[in-house]
Amino acid sequence: MTQPVYVAANPVEAEIVRQLLASHGIRTELLGVFAWGAVGELPLPEAWPRLYLVEERDRERARAVIRDYESAPVAGSWACRQCGERSPAHFGACWSCGARHPL
């Protein structure tokens, strides 16, 4: 099997991205969503839901859609100065690297 086009943080995010790609005419298969229930028993990376393209020729177009999704500002969030990830406004530290919120 080819590499996944997207690895989601959780099943909800996987479905959001799957629907976003579908709205652009890009078909995907969602795998690993049932492994999410085994978080704690499985290493986290093995439990993350993954999206695979039905048509490999859609990879570049899918990556462009995903880049737009990932770079869109989230209302009520802030960008980490250390790693660039966005965290909810009420987080005092970055969810990804733990850097303190730039107050």
PDB file of N, CA and C in Angstrom:
ATOM      1  N   MET A   1       0.847  -1.176   0.000  1.00  0.00           N
ATOM      2  CA  MET A   1       0.000   0.000   0.000  1.00  0.00           C
ATOM      3  C   MET A   1       0.896   1.245   0.000  1.00  0.00           C
ATOM      4  N   THR A   2       0.428   2.280  -0.608  1.00  0.00           N
ATOM      5  CA  THR A   2       1.177   3.527  -0.664  1.00  0.00           C
ATOM      6  C   THR A   2       1.167   4.226   0.684  1.00  0.00           C
ATOM      7  N   GLN A   3       1.869   5.318   0.756  1.00  0.00           N
ATOM      8  CA  GLN A   3       1.896   6.127   1.972  1.00  0.00           C
ATOM      9  C   GLN A   3       0.561   6.839   2.155  1.00  0.00           C
ATOM     10  N   PRO A   4       0.130   7.042   3.401  1.00  0.00           N
ATOM     11  CA  PRO A   4      -1.114   7.793   3.601  1.00  0.00           C
ATOM     12  C   PRO A   4      -0.929   9.237   3.147  1.00  0.00           C
ATOM     13  N   VAL A   5      -2.004   9.833   2.682  1.00  0.00           N
ATOM     14  CA  VAL A   5      -1.965  11.237   2.281  1.00  0.00           C
ATOM     15  C   VAL A   5      -2.146  12.126   3.512  1.00  0.00           C
ATOM     16  N   TYR A   6      -2.749  11.554   4.577  1.00  0.00           N
ATOM     17  CA  TYR A   6      -2.962  12.333   5.792  1.00  0.00           C
ATOM     18  C   TYR A   6      -3.056  11.400   6.987  1.00  0.00           C
ATOM     19  N   VAL A   7      -2.400  11.779   8.067  1.00  0.00           N
ATOM     20  CA  VAL A   7      -2.501  11.064   9.331  1.00  0.00           C
ATOM     21  C   VAL A   7      -3.154  12.036  10.308  1.00  0.00           C
ATOM     22  N   ALA A   8      -4.316  11.655  10.811  1.00  0.00           N
ATOM     23  CA  ALA A   8      -5.115  12.544  11.654  1.00  0.00           C
ATOM     24  C   ALA A   8      -4.793  12.360  13.130  1.00  0.00           C
ATOM     25  N   ALA A   9      -5.074  13.389  13.905  1.00  0.00           N
ATOM     26  CA  ALA A   9      -4.862  13.339  15.350  1.00  0.00           C
ATOM     27  C   ALA A   9      -5.918  12.496  16.055  1.00  0.00           C
ATOM     28  N   ASN A  10      -7.090  12.351  15.411  1.00  0.00           N
ATOM     29  CA  ASN A  10      -8.175  11.576  16.009  1.00  0.00           C
ATOM     30  C   ASN A  10      -9.208  11.270  14.920  1.00  0.00           C
ATOM     31  N   PRO A  11     -10.178  10.401  15.198  1.00  0.00           N
ATOM     32  CA  PRO A  11     -11.168  10.042  14.176  1.00  0.00           C
ATOM     33  C   PRO A  11     -12.006  11.215  13.671  1.00  0.00           C
ATOM     34  N   VAL A  12     -12.301  12.175  14.521  1.00  0.00           N
ATOM     35  CA  VAL A  12     -13.104  13.325  14.091  1.00  0.00           C
ATOM     36  C   VAL A  12     -12.330  14.136  13.053  1.00  0.00           C
ATOM     37  N   GLU A  13     -11.066  14.420  13.329  1.00  0.00           N
ATOM     38  CA  GLU A  13     -10.266  15.160  12.357  1.00  0.00           C
ATOM     39  C   GLU A  13     -10.134  14.379  11.052  1.00  0.00           C
ATOM     40  N   ALA A  14      -9.977  13.073  11.135  1.00  0.00           N
ATOM     41  CA  ALA A  14      -9.872  12.251   9.931  1.00  0.00           C
ATOM     42  C   ALA A  14     -11.116  12.405   9.064  1.00  0.00           C
ATOM     43  N   GLU A  15     -12.273  12.414   9.697  1.00  0.00           N
ATOM     44  CA  GLU A  15     -13.524  12.550   8.949  1.00  0.00           C
ATOM     45  C   GLU A  15     -13.661  13.954   8.355  1.00  0.00           C
ATOM     46  N   ILE A  16     -13.231  14.958   9.074  1.00  0.00           N
ATOM     47  CA  ILE A  16     -13.265  16.334   8.546  1.00  0.00           C
ATOM     48  C   ILE A  16     -12.422  16.434   7.292  1.00  0.00           C
ATOM     49  N   VAL A  17     -11.207  15.911   7.332  1.00  0.00           N
ATOM     50  CA  VAL A  17     -10.321  15.982   6.175  1.00  0.00           C
ATOM     51  C   VAL A  17     -10.840  15.096   5.047  1.00  0.00           C
ATOM     52  N   ARG A  18     -11.391  13.936   5.384  1.00  0.00           N
ATOM     53  CA  ARG A  18     -11.958  13.054   4.353  1.00  0.00           C
ATOM     54  C   ARG A  18     -13.070  13.767   3.599  1.00  0.00           C
ATOM     55  N   GLN A  19     -13.965  14.433   4.339  1.00  0.00           N
ATOM     56  CA  GLN A  19     -15.064  15.159   3.709  1.00  0.00           C
ATOM     57  C   GLN A  19     -14.558  16.362   2.910  1.00  0.00           C
ATOM     58  N   LEU A  20     -13.544  17.039   3.413  1.00  0.00           N
ATOM     59  CA  LEU A  20     -12.961  18.164   2.688  1.00  0.00           C
ATOM     60  C   LEU A  20     -12.389  17.695   1.352  1.00  0.00           C
ATOM     61  N   LEU A  21     -11.635  16.612   1.368  1.00  0.00           N
ATOM     62  CA  LEU A  21     -11.083  16.075   0.122  1.00  0.00           C
ATOM     63  C   LEU A  21     -12.201  15.632  -0.818  1.00  0.00           C
ATOM     64  N   ALA A  22     -13.229  14.999  -0.279  1.00  0.00           N
ATOM     65  CA  ALA A  22     -14.363  14.559  -1.100  1.00  0.00           C
ATOM     66  C   ALA A  22     -15.042  15.748  -1.769  1.00  0.00           C
ATOM     67  N   SER A  23     -15.115  16.873  -1.066  1.00  0.00           N
ATOM     68  CA  SER A  23     -15.743  18.066  -1.650  1.00  0.00           C
ATOM     69  C   SER A  23     -14.940  18.605  -2.829  1.00  0.00           C
ATOM     70  N   HIS A  24     -13.678  18.185  -2.948  1.00  0.00           N
ATOM     71  CA  HIS A  24     -12.832  18.556  -4.085  1.00  0.00           C
ATOM     72  C   HIS A  24     -12.733  17.414  -5.104  1.00  0.00           C
ATOM     73  N   GLY A  25     -13.586  16.412  -4.939  1.00  0.00           N
ATOM     74  CA  GLY A  25     -13.601  15.295  -5.879  1.00  0.00           C
ATOM     75  C   GLY A  25     -12.477  14.307  -5.671  1.00  0.00           C
ATOM     76  N   ILE A  26     -11.869  14.296  -4.486  1.00  0.00           N
ATOM     77  CA  ILE A  26     -10.754  13.398  -4.187  1.00  0.00           C
ATOM     78  C   ILE A  26     -11.262  12.308  -3.251  1.00  0.00           C
ATOM     79  N   ARG A  27     -11.259  11.072  -3.754  1.00  0.00           N
ATOM     80  CA  ARG A  27     -11.757   9.947  -2.960  1.00  0.00           C
ATOM     81  C   ARG A  27     -10.633   9.351  -2.118  1.00  0.00           C
ATOM     82  N   THR A  28     -10.971   9.013  -0.867  1.00  0.00           N
ATOM     83  CA  THR A  28      -9.993   8.426   0.045  1.00  0.00           C
ATOM     84  C   THR A  28     -10.604   7.229   0.762  1.00  0.00           C
ATOM     85  N   GLU A  29      -9.726   6.440   1.346  1.00  0.00           N
ATOM     86  CA  GLU A  29     -10.132   5.356   2.239  1.00  0.00           C
ATOM     87  C   GLU A  29      -9.577   5.692   3.608  1.00  0.00           C
ATOM     88  N   LEU A  30     -10.400   5.539   4.624  1.00  0.00           N
ATOM     89  CA  LEU A  30     -10.011   5.827   6.000  1.00  0.00           C
ATOM     90  C   LEU A  30      -9.690   4.511   6.701  1.00  0.00           C
ATOM     91  N   LEU A  31      -8.465   4.383   7.156  1.00  0.00           N
ATOM     92  CA  LEU A  31      -8.032   3.168   7.856  1.00  0.00           C
ATOM     93  C   LEU A  31      -7.526   3.535   9.245  1.00  0.00           C
ATOM     94  N   GLY A  32      -7.631   2.605  10.152  1.00  0.00           N
ATOM     95  CA  GLY A  32      -7.108   2.792  11.494  1.00  0.00           C
ATOM     96  C   GLY A  32      -8.051   3.473  12.456  1.00  0.00           C
ATOM     97  N   VAL A  33      -9.263   3.783  12.010  1.00  0.00           N
ATOM     98  CA  VAL A  33     -10.180   4.493  12.885  1.00  0.00           C
ATOM     99  C   VAL A  33     -10.600   3.626  14.079  1.00  0.00           C
ATOM    100  N   PHE A  34     -10.678   2.331  13.905  1.00  0.00           N
ATOM    101  CA  PHE A  34     -11.076   1.456  15.005  1.00  0.00           C
ATOM    102  C   PHE A  34      -9.928   1.202  15.978  1.00  0.00           C
ATOM    103  N   ALA A  35      -8.698   1.422  15.531  1.00  0.00           N
ATOM    104  CA  ALA A  35      -7.549   1.275  16.423  1.00  0.00           C
ATOM    105  C   ALA A  35      -7.535   2.377  17.474  1.00  0.00           C
ATOM    106  N   TRP A  36      -8.247   3.486  17.198  1.00  0.00           N
ATOM    107  CA  TRP A  36      -8.287   4.599  18.148  1.00  0.00           C
ATOM    108  C   TRP A  36      -8.801   4.140  19.517  1.00  0.00           C
ATOM    109  N   GLY A  37      -9.673   3.180  19.524  1.00  0.00           N
ATOM    110  CA  GLY A  37     -10.196   2.654  20.778  1.00  0.00           C
ATOM    111  C   GLY A  37      -9.151   1.918  21.606  1.00  0.00           C
ATOM    112  N   ALA A  38      -8.030   1.602  20.996  1.00  0.00           N
ATOM    113  CA  ALA A  38      -6.966   0.885  21.696  1.00  0.00           C
ATOM    114  C   ALA A  38      -5.844   1.813  22.151  1.00  0.00           C
ATOM    115  N   VAL A  39      -6.088   3.135  22.100  1.00  0.00           N
ATOM    116  CA  VAL A  39      -5.075   4.078  22.580  1.00  0.00           C
ATOM    117  C   VAL A  39      -4.775   3.737  24.031  1.00  0.00           C
ATOM    118  N   GLY A  40      -3.524   3.633  24.339  1.00  0.00           N
ATOM    119  CA  GLY A  40      -3.100   3.201  25.671  1.00  0.00           C
ATOM    120  C   GLY A  40      -2.596   1.777  25.642  1.00  0.00           C
ATOM    121  N   GLU A  41      -3.195   0.972  24.770  1.00  0.00           N
ATOM    122  CA  GLU A  41      -2.736  -0.401  24.575  1.00  0.00           C
ATOM    123  C   GLU A  41      -1.754  -0.460  23.405  1.00  0.00           C
ATOM    124  N   LEU A  42      -1.988   0.403  22.413  1.00  0.00           N
ATOM    125  CA  LEU A  42      -1.112   0.514  21.247  1.00  0.00           C
ATOM    126  C   LEU A  42      -0.296   1.796  21.359  1.00  0.00           C
ATOM    127  N   PRO A  43       0.895   1.821  20.779  1.00  0.00           N
ATOM    128  CA  PRO A  43       1.610   3.096  20.701  1.00  0.00           C
ATOM    129  C   PRO A  43       0.758   4.087  19.909  1.00  0.00           C
ATOM    130  N   LEU A  44       0.723   5.343  20.331  1.00  0.00           N
ATOM    131  CA  LEU A  44      -0.151   6.337  19.728  1.00  0.00           C
ATOM    132  C   LEU A  44      -0.026   6.422  18.204  1.00  0.00           C
ATOM    133  N   PRO A  45       1.185   6.455  17.631  1.00  0.00           N
ATOM    134  CA  PRO A  45       1.259   6.542  16.161  1.00  0.00           C
ATOM    135  C   PRO A  45       0.572   5.394  15.433  1.00  0.00           C
ATOM    136  N   GLU A  46       0.495   4.236  16.045  1.00  0.00           N
ATOM    137  CA  GLU A  46      -0.181   3.101  15.415  1.00  0.00           C
ATOM    138  C   GLU A  46      -1.695   3.219  15.511  1.00  0.00           C
ATOM    139  N   ALA A  47      -2.184   4.069  16.394  1.00  0.00           N
ATOM    140  CA  ALA A  47      -3.625   4.222  16.586  1.00  0.00           C
ATOM    141  C   ALA A  47      -4.198   5.397  15.805  1.00  0.00           C
ATOM    142  N   TRP A  48      -3.344   6.241  15.239  1.00  0.00           N
ATOM    143  CA  TRP A  48      -3.845   7.403  14.508  1.00  0.00           C
ATOM    144  C   TRP A  48      -4.571   6.972  13.242  1.00  0.00           C
ATOM    145  N   PRO A  49      -5.731   7.545  12.964  1.00  0.00           N
ATOM    146  CA  PRO A  49      -6.444   7.267  11.713  1.00  0.00           C
ATOM    147  C   PRO A  49      -5.652   7.818  10.522  1.00  0.00           C
ATOM    148  N   ARG A  50      -5.691   7.089   9.419  1.00  0.00           N
ATOM    149  CA  ARG A  50      -4.923   7.468   8.223  1.00  0.00           C
ATOM    150  C   ARG A  50      -5.825   7.485   6.997  1.00  0.00           C
ATOM    151  N   LEU A  51      -5.611   8.489   6.150  1.00  0.00           N
ATOM    152  CA  LEU A  51      -6.347   8.583   4.891  1.00  0.00           C
ATOM    153  C   LEU A  51      -5.426   8.172   3.748  1.00  0.00           C
ATOM    154  N   TYR A  52      -5.929   7.261   2.918  1.00  0.00           N
ATOM    155  CA  TYR A  52      -5.214   6.806   1.730  1.00  0.00           C
ATOM    156  C   TYR A  52      -6.015   7.206   0.498  1.00  0.00           C
ATOM    157  N   LEU A  53      -5.326   7.587  -0.538  1.00  0.00           N
ATOM    158  CA  LEU A  53      -5.992   7.971  -1.781  1.00  0.00           C
ATOM    159  C   LEU A  53      -6.479   6.746  -2.537  1.00  0.00           C
ATOM    160  N   VAL A  54      -7.660   6.846  -3.117  1.00  0.00           N
ATOM    161  CA  VAL A  54      -8.164   5.795  -4.000  1.00  0.00           C
ATOM    162  C   VAL A  54      -7.403   5.872  -5.318  1.00  0.00           C
ATOM    163  N   GLU A  55      -7.164   7.084  -5.795  1.00  0.00           N
ATOM    164  CA  GLU A  55      -6.410   7.320  -7.037  1.00  0.00           C
ATOM    165  C   GLU A  55      -5.113   8.042  -6.702  1.00  0.00           C
ATOM    166  N   GLU A  56      -3.990   7.377  -6.861  1.00  0.00           N
ATOM    167  CA  GLU A  56      -2.692   7.967  -6.537  1.00  0.00           C
ATOM    168  C   GLU A  56      -2.427   9.254  -7.322  1.00  0.00           C
ATOM    169  N   ARG A  57      -3.016   9.368  -8.504  1.00  0.00           N
ATOM    170  CA  ARG A  57      -2.796  10.572  -9.320  1.00  0.00           C
ATOM    171  C   ARG A  57      -3.352  11.842  -8.655  1.00  0.00           C
ATOM    172  N   ASP A  58      -4.181  11.688  -7.621  1.00  0.00           N
ATOM    173  CA  ASP A  58      -4.751  12.831  -6.898  1.00  0.00           C
ATOM    174  C   ASP A  58      -3.839  13.361  -5.790  1.00  0.00           C
ATOM    175  N   ARG A  59      -2.662  12.754  -5.602  1.00  0.00           N
ATOM    176  CA  ARG A  59      -1.806  13.087  -4.451  1.00  0.00           C
ATOM    177  C   ARG A  59      -1.445  14.567  -4.392  1.00  0.00           C
ATOM    178  N   GLU A  60      -0.965  15.154  -5.461  1.00  0.00           N
ATOM    179  CA  GLU A  60      -0.550  16.567  -5.426  1.00  0.00           C
ATOM    180  C   GLU A  60      -1.730  17.486  -5.136  1.00  0.00           C
ATOM    181  N   ARG A  61      -2.848  17.214  -5.754  1.00  0.00           N
ATOM    182  CA  ARG A  61      -4.048  18.026  -5.524  1.00  0.00           C
ATOM    183  C   ARG A  61      -4.516  17.868  -4.080  1.00  0.00           C
ATOM    184  N   ALA A  62      -4.478  16.650  -3.554  1.00  0.00           N
ATOM    185  CA  ALA A  62      -4.873  16.395  -2.166  1.00  0.00           C
ATOM    186  C   ALA A  62      -3.938  17.121  -1.202  1.00  0.00           C
ATOM    187  N   ARG A  63      -2.648  17.076  -1.465  1.00  0.00           N
ATOM    188  CA  ARG A  63      -1.687  17.759  -0.589  1.00  0.00           C
ATOM    189  C   ARG A  63      -1.948  19.265  -0.574  1.00  0.00           C
ATOM    190  N   ALA A  64      -2.323  19.837  -1.718  1.00  0.00           N
ATOM    191  CA  ALA A  64      -2.628  21.272  -1.769  1.00  0.00           C
ATOM    192  C   ALA A  64      -3.852  21.591  -0.915  1.00  0.00           C
ATOM    193  N   VAL A  65      -4.893  20.761  -0.993  1.00  0.00           N
ATOM    194  CA  VAL A  65      -6.106  20.967  -0.189  1.00  0.00           C
ATOM    195  C   VAL A  65      -5.756  20.840   1.292  1.00  0.00           C
ATOM    196  N   ILE A  66      -4.956  19.863   1.638  1.00  0.00           N
ATOM    197  CA  ILE A  66      -4.571  19.635   3.031  1.00  0.00           C
ATOM    198  C   ILE A  66      -3.701  20.789   3.541  1.00  0.00           C
ATOM    199  N   ARG A  67      -2.786  21.287   2.723  1.00  0.00           N
ATOM    200  CA  ARG A  67      -1.969  22.448   3.122  1.00  0.00           C
ATOM    201  C   ARG A  67      -2.850  23.645   3.452  1.00  0.00           C
ATOM    202  N   ASP A  68      -3.858  23.898   2.626  1.00  0.00           N
ATOM    203  CA  ASP A  68      -4.787  25.004   2.882  1.00  0.00           C
ATOM    204  C   ASP A  68      -5.533  24.774   4.192  1.00  0.00           C
ATOM    205  N   TYR A  69      -5.973  23.550   4.423  1.00  0.00           N
ATOM    206  CA  TYR A  69      -6.688  23.205   5.659  1.00  0.00           C
ATOM    207  C   TYR A  69      -5.790  23.441   6.878  1.00  0.00           C
ATOM    208  N   GLU A  70      -4.553  22.964   6.797  1.00  0.00           N
ATOM    209  CA  GLU A  70      -3.646  23.061   7.933  1.00  0.00           C
ATOM    210  C   GLU A  70      -3.189  24.491   8.211  1.00  0.00           C
ATOM    211  N   SER A  71      -3.154  25.327   7.189  1.00  0.00           N
ATOM    212  CA  SER A  71      -2.669  26.694   7.382  1.00  0.00           C
ATOM    213  C   SER A  71      -3.783  27.687   7.701  1.00  0.00           C
ATOM    214  N   ALA A  72      -5.029  27.259   7.621  1.00  0.00           N
ATOM    215  CA  ALA A  72      -6.146  28.164   7.925  1.00  0.00           C
ATOM    216  C   ALA A  72      -6.136  28.503   9.408  1.00  0.00           C
ATOM    217  N   PRO A  73      -6.235  29.781   9.735  1.00  0.00           N
ATOM    218  CA  PRO A  73      -6.264  30.143  11.152  1.00  0.00           C
ATOM    219  C   PRO A  73      -7.537  29.619  11.814  1.00  0.00           C
ATOM    220  N   VAL A  74      -7.395  29.184  13.027  1.00  0.00           N
ATOM    221  CA  VAL A  74      -8.518  28.668  13.789  1.00  0.00           C
ATOM    222  C   VAL A  74      -8.978  29.778  14.732  1.00  0.00           C
ATOM    223  N   ALA A  75     -10.266  30.075  14.710  1.00  0.00           N
ATOM    224  CA  ALA A  75     -10.795  31.117  15.591  1.00  0.00           C
ATOM    225  C   ALA A  75     -10.484  30.764  17.038  1.00  0.00           C
ATOM    226  N   GLY A  76     -10.019  31.741  17.763  1.00  0.00           N
ATOM    227  CA  GLY A  76      -9.726  31.517  19.175  1.00  0.00           C
ATOM    228  C   GLY A  76      -8.511  30.655  19.399  1.00  0.00           C
ATOM    229  N   SER A  77      -7.498  30.811  18.553  1.00  0.00           N
ATOM    230  CA  SER A  77      -6.279  30.027  18.733  1.00  0.00           C
ATOM    231  C   SER A  77      -5.056  30.945  18.618  1.00  0.00           C
ATOM    232  N   TRP A  78      -3.917  30.412  18.988  1.00  0.00           N
ATOM    233  CA  TRP A  78      -2.667  31.153  18.880  1.00  0.00           C
ATOM    234  C   TRP A  78      -1.592  30.246  18.289  1.00  0.00           C
ATOM    235  N   ALA A  79      -0.640  30.870  17.582  1.00  0.00           N
ATOM    236  CA  ALA A  79       0.445  30.125  16.941  1.00  0.00           C
ATOM    237  C   ALA A  79       1.658  30.082  17.862  1.00  0.00           C
ATOM    238  N   CYS A  80       2.215  28.913  18.050  1.00  0.00           N
ATOM    239  CA  CYS A  80       3.403  28.733  18.879  1.00  0.00           C
ATOM    240  C   CYS A  80       4.614  29.335  18.180  1.00  0.00           C
ATOM    241  N   ARG A  81       5.381  30.130  18.910  1.00  0.00           N
ATOM    242  CA  ARG A  81       6.583  30.748  18.338  1.00  0.00           C
ATOM    243  C   ARG A  81       7.719  29.740  18.179  1.00  0.00           C
ATOM    244  N   GLN A  82       7.640  28.642  18.908  1.00  0.00           N
ATOM    245  CA  GLN A  82       8.710  27.650  18.851  1.00  0.00           C
ATOM    246  C   GLN A  82       8.518  26.649  17.707  1.00  0.00           C
ATOM    247  N   CYS A  83       7.303  26.077  17.589  1.00  0.00           N
ATOM    248  CA  CYS A  83       7.108  25.029  16.575  1.00  0.00           C
ATOM    249  C   CYS A  83       6.106  25.401  15.490  1.00  0.00           C
ATOM    250  N   GLY A  84       5.359  26.505  15.676  1.00  0.00           N
ATOM    251  CA  GLY A  84       4.422  26.948  14.651  1.00  0.00           C
ATOM    252  C   GLY A  84       3.033  26.327  14.713  1.00  0.00           C
ATOM    253  N   GLU A  85       2.837  25.349  15.585  1.00  0.00           N
ATOM    254  CA  GLU A  85       1.514  24.722  15.707  1.00  0.00           C
ATOM    255  C   GLU A  85       0.525  25.684  16.362  1.00  0.00           C
ATOM    256  N   ARG A  86      -0.757  25.494  16.063  1.00  0.00           N
ATOM    257  CA  ARG A  86      -1.803  26.325  16.661  1.00  0.00           C
ATOM    258  C   ARG A  86      -2.419  25.580  17.840  1.00  0.00           C
ATOM    259  N   SER A  87      -2.688  26.319  18.902  1.00  0.00           N
ATOM    260  CA  SER A  87      -3.327  25.774  20.097  1.00  0.00           C
ATOM    261  C   SER A  87      -4.559  26.607  20.416  1.00  0.00           C
ATOM    262  N   PRO A  88      -5.560  26.006  21.064  1.00  0.00           N
ATOM    263  CA  PRO A  88      -6.738  26.781  21.465  1.00  0.00           C
ATOM    264  C   PRO A  88      -6.334  27.956  22.356  1.00  0.00           C
ATOM    265  N   ALA A  89      -7.097  29.030  22.286  1.00  0.00           N
ATOM    266  CA  ALA A  89      -6.782  30.260  23.013  1.00  0.00           C
ATOM    267  C   ALA A  89      -6.653  30.035  24.513  1.00  0.00           C
ATOM    268  N   HIS A  90      -7.410  29.091  25.068  1.00  0.00           N
ATOM    269  CA  HIS A  90      -7.378  28.879  26.512  1.00  0.00           C
ATOM    270  C   HIS A  90      -6.207  28.021  26.985  1.00  0.00           C
ATOM    271  N   PHE A  91      -5.405  27.475  26.048  1.00  0.00           N
ATOM    272  CA  PHE A  91      -4.234  26.685  26.437  1.00  0.00           C
ATOM    273  C   PHE A  91      -3.116  27.634  26.867  1.00  0.00           C
ATOM    274  N   GLY A  92      -2.483  27.370  27.991  1.00  0.00           N
ATOM    275  CA  GLY A  92      -1.373  28.180  28.472  1.00  0.00           C
ATOM    276  C   GLY A  92      -0.042  27.745  27.897  1.00  0.00           C
ATOM    277  N   ALA A  93      -0.036  26.596  27.214  1.00  0.00           N
ATOM    278  CA  ALA A  93       1.176  26.074  26.590  1.00  0.00           C
ATOM    279  C   ALA A  93       0.788  25.383  25.288  1.00  0.00           C
ATOM    280  N   CYS A  94       1.729  25.285  24.394  1.00  0.00           N
ATOM    281  CA  CYS A  94       1.507  24.641  23.094  1.00  0.00           C
ATOM    282  C   CYS A  94       1.174  23.163  23.306  1.00  0.00           C
ATOM    283  N   TRP A  95       0.138  22.691  22.638  1.00  0.00           N
ATOM    284  CA  TRP A  95      -0.260  21.288  22.761  1.00  0.00           C
ATOM    285  C   TRP A  95       0.796  20.367  22.165  1.00  0.00           C
ATOM    286  N   SER A  96       1.602  20.901  21.224  1.00  0.00           N
ATOM    287  CA  SER A  96       2.559  20.057  20.506  1.00  0.00           C
ATOM    288  C   SER A  96       3.917  19.971  21.190  1.00  0.00           C
ATOM    289  N   CYS A  97       4.490  21.124  21.536  1.00  0.00           N
ATOM    290  CA  CYS A  97       5.863  21.110  22.075  1.00  0.00           C
ATOM    291  C   CYS A  97       5.945  21.557  23.521  1.00  0.00           C
ATOM    292  N   GLY A  98       4.854  22.097  24.065  1.00  0.00           N
ATOM    293  CA  GLY A  98       4.853  22.492  25.471  1.00  0.00           C
ATOM    294  C   GLY A  98       5.375  23.894  25.748  1.00  0.00           C
ATOM    295  N   ALA A  99       5.751  24.629  24.696  1.00  0.00           N
ATOM    296  CA  ALA A  99       6.236  26.003  24.893  1.00  0.00           C
ATOM    297  C   ALA A  99       5.133  26.854  25.513  1.00  0.00           C
ATOM    298  N   ARG A 100       5.503  27.785  26.370  1.00  0.00           N
ATOM    299  CA  ARG A 100       4.527  28.631  27.044  1.00  0.00           C
ATOM    300  C   ARG A 100       3.872  29.591  26.066  1.00  0.00           C
ATOM    301  N   HIS A 101       2.623  29.918  26.335  1.00  0.00           N
ATOM    302  CA  HIS A 101       1.837  30.864  25.524  1.00  0.00           C
ATOM    303  C   HIS A 101       2.516  32.235  25.564  1.00  0.00           C
ATOM    304  N   PRO A 102       2.699  32.852  24.387  1.00  0.00           N
ATOM    305  CA  PRO A 102       3.325  34.188  24.345  1.00  0.00           C
ATOM    306  C   PRO A 102       2.336  35.267  24.756  1.00  0.00           C
ATOM    307  N   LEU A 103       2.216  35.540  26.035  1.00  0.00           N
ATOM    308  CA  LEU A 103       1.232  36.518  26.544  1.00  0.00           C
ATOM    309  C   LEU A 103       1.634  37.936  26.255  1.00  0.00           C
TER     310      LEU A 103
END
